[in-house]
Amino acid sequence: MNTANLAIVGVMALLAVASALGLYRAGGKSQKADTADQDVKDAASQVTQLQAMEQRGADAPQTVDELLDALDKGKA
């Protein structure tokens, strides 16, 4: 093999490695984006659950008389 052919093979190998590295990094960014989307969905779900818990707390009897009345009616 002469020097020109060796240089061409070297450049092609370098380009192949650079392309593979670029694709690998792009795939990692895609996974990070998917993870971030899932984190947002999880946070939204937690907010919804907390709001539901707060609403149940607001609807719950607040005084002893209200609690006793709810027990009498079978709602507690």
C-alpha atoms as a PDB file:
ATOM      1  CA  MET A   1       0.000   0.000   0.000  1.00  0.00           C
ATOM      2  CA  ASN A   2       1.361   3.370  -0.840  1.00  0.00           C
ATOM      3  CA  THR A   3       1.199   6.453   1.375  1.00  0.00           C
ATOM      4  CA  ALA A   4      -1.817   8.002  -0.405  1.00  0.00           C
ATOM      5  CA  ASN A   5      -3.941   4.899   0.078  1.00  0.00           C
ATOM      6  CA  LEU A   6      -2.883   4.677   3.696  1.00  0.00           C
ATOM      7  CA  ALA A   7      -3.831   8.306   4.266  1.00  0.00           C
ATOM      8  CA  ILE A   8      -7.260   7.765   2.668  1.00  0.00           C
ATOM      9  CA  VAL A   9      -7.916   4.691   4.826  1.00  0.00           C
ATOM     10  CA  GLY A  10      -6.851   6.654   7.924  1.00  0.00           C
ATOM     11  CA  VAL A  11      -9.191   9.551   7.125  1.00  0.00           C
ATOM     12  CA  MET A  12     -12.067   7.151   6.472  1.00  0.00           C
ATOM     13  CA  ALA A  13     -11.452   5.404   9.805  1.00  0.00           C
ATOM     14  CA  LEU A  14     -11.340   8.756  11.583  1.00  0.00           C
ATOM     15  CA  LEU A  15     -14.632   9.807   9.980  1.00  0.00           C
ATOM     16  CA  ALA A  16     -16.240   6.491  10.937  1.00  0.00           C
ATOM     17  CA  VAL A  17     -15.187   6.909  14.576  1.00  0.00           C
ATOM     18  CA  ALA A  18     -16.367  10.541  14.643  1.00  0.00           C
ATOM     19  CA  SER A  19     -19.724   9.573  13.112  1.00  0.00           C
ATOM     20  CA  ALA A  20     -20.201   6.743  15.586  1.00  0.00           C
ATOM     21  CA  LEU A  21     -19.383   9.061  18.491  1.00  0.00           C
ATOM     22  CA  GLY A  22     -21.810  11.683  17.182  1.00  0.00           C
ATOM     23  CA  LEU A  23     -24.608   9.138  16.851  1.00  0.00           C
ATOM     24  CA  TYR A  24     -23.883   7.797  20.325  1.00  0.00           C
ATOM     25  CA  ARG A  25     -24.064  11.274  21.868  1.00  0.00           C
ATOM     26  CA  ALA A  26     -27.258  12.113  19.937  1.00  0.00           C
ATOM     27  CA  GLY A  27     -28.864   8.916  21.239  1.00  0.00           C
ATOM     28  CA  GLY A  28     -27.942   9.874  24.793  1.00  0.00           C
ATOM     29  CA  LYS A  29     -29.562  13.279  24.370  1.00  0.00           C
ATOM     30  CA  SER A  30     -32.701  11.603  23.080  1.00  0.00           C
ATOM     31  CA  GLN A  31     -32.824   9.353  26.151  1.00  0.00           C
ATOM     32  CA  LYS A  32     -32.346  12.387  28.401  1.00  0.00           C
ATOM     33  CA  ALA A  33     -35.261  14.106  26.665  1.00  0.00           C
ATOM     34  CA  ASP A  34     -37.455  11.023  27.174  1.00  0.00           C
ATOM     35  CA  THR A  35     -36.462  10.912  30.839  1.00  0.00           C
ATOM     36  CA  ALA A  36     -37.276  14.603  31.236  1.00  0.00           C
ATOM     37  CA  ASP A  37     -40.690  14.090  29.618  1.00  0.00           C
ATOM     38  CA  GLN A  38     -41.395  11.225  32.027  1.00  0.00           C
ATOM     39  CA  ASP A  39     -40.298  13.383  34.973  1.00  0.00           C
ATOM     40  CA  VAL A  40     -42.746  16.093  33.900  1.00  0.00           C
ATOM     41  CA  LYS A  41     -45.558  13.550  33.632  1.00  0.00           C
ATOM     42  CA  ASP A  42     -44.699  12.147  37.078  1.00  0.00           C
ATOM     43  CA  ALA A  43     -44.671  15.621  38.602  1.00  0.00           C
ATOM     44  CA  ALA A  44     -48.039  16.445  37.036  1.00  0.00           C
ATOM     45  CA  SER A  45     -49.456  13.202  38.412  1.00  0.00           C
ATOM     46  CA  GLN A  46     -48.154  14.011  41.884  1.00  0.00           C
ATOM     47  CA  VAL A  47     -49.689  17.487  41.722  1.00  0.00           C
ATOM     48  CA  THR A  48     -53.031  15.971  40.760  1.00  0.00           C
ATOM     49  CA  GLN A  49     -52.821  13.518  43.666  1.00  0.00           C
ATOM     50  CA  LEU A  50     -51.942  16.287  46.119  1.00  0.00           C
ATOM     51  CA  GLN A  51     -54.838  18.414  44.904  1.00  0.00           C
ATOM     52  CA  ALA A  52     -57.201  15.471  45.360  1.00  0.00           C
ATOM     53  CA  MET A  53     -55.868  14.919  48.897  1.00  0.00           C
ATOM     54  CA  GLU A  54     -56.311  18.612  49.719  1.00  0.00           C
ATOM     55  CA  GLN A  55     -59.870  18.543  48.396  1.00  0.00           C
ATOM     56  CA  ARG A  56     -60.707  15.489  50.506  1.00  0.00           C
ATOM     57  CA  GLY A  57     -59.248  17.312  53.509  1.00  0.00           C
ATOM     58  CA  ALA A  58     -61.380  20.371  52.746  1.00  0.00           C
ATOM     59  CA  ASP A  59     -64.469  18.194  52.405  1.00  0.00           C
ATOM     60  CA  ALA A  60     -63.769  16.349  55.660  1.00  0.00           C
ATOM     61  CA  PRO A  61     -65.594  17.310  58.856  1.00  0.00           C
ATOM     62  CA  GLN A  62     -63.693  20.128  60.572  1.00  0.00           C
ATOM     63  CA  THR A  63     -65.255  20.100  64.039  1.00  0.00           C
ATOM     64  CA  VAL A  64     -66.250  17.414  66.495  1.00  0.00           C
ATOM     65  CA  ASP A  65     -69.923  18.199  65.910  1.00  0.00           C
ATOM     66  CA  GLU A  66     -69.515  17.829  62.147  1.00  0.00           C
ATOM     67  CA  LEU A  67     -67.672  14.540  62.649  1.00  0.00           C
ATOM     68  CA  LEU A  68     -70.336  13.185  64.979  1.00  0.00           C
ATOM     69  CA  ASP A  69     -73.052  14.267  62.571  1.00  0.00           C
ATOM     70  CA  ALA A  70     -71.251  12.531  59.677  1.00  0.00           C
ATOM     71  CA  LEU A  71     -70.893   9.362  61.787  1.00  0.00           C
ATOM     72  CA  ASP A  72     -74.583   9.435  62.582  1.00  0.00           C
ATOM     73  CA  LYS A  73     -75.425   9.713  58.898  1.00  0.00           C
ATOM     74  CA  GLY A  74     -72.931   6.966  57.966  1.00  0.00           C
ATOM     75  CA  LYS A  75     -70.779   9.266  55.833  1.00  0.00           C
ATOM     76  CA  ALA A  76     -67.556   8.907  57.829  1.00  0.00           C
END
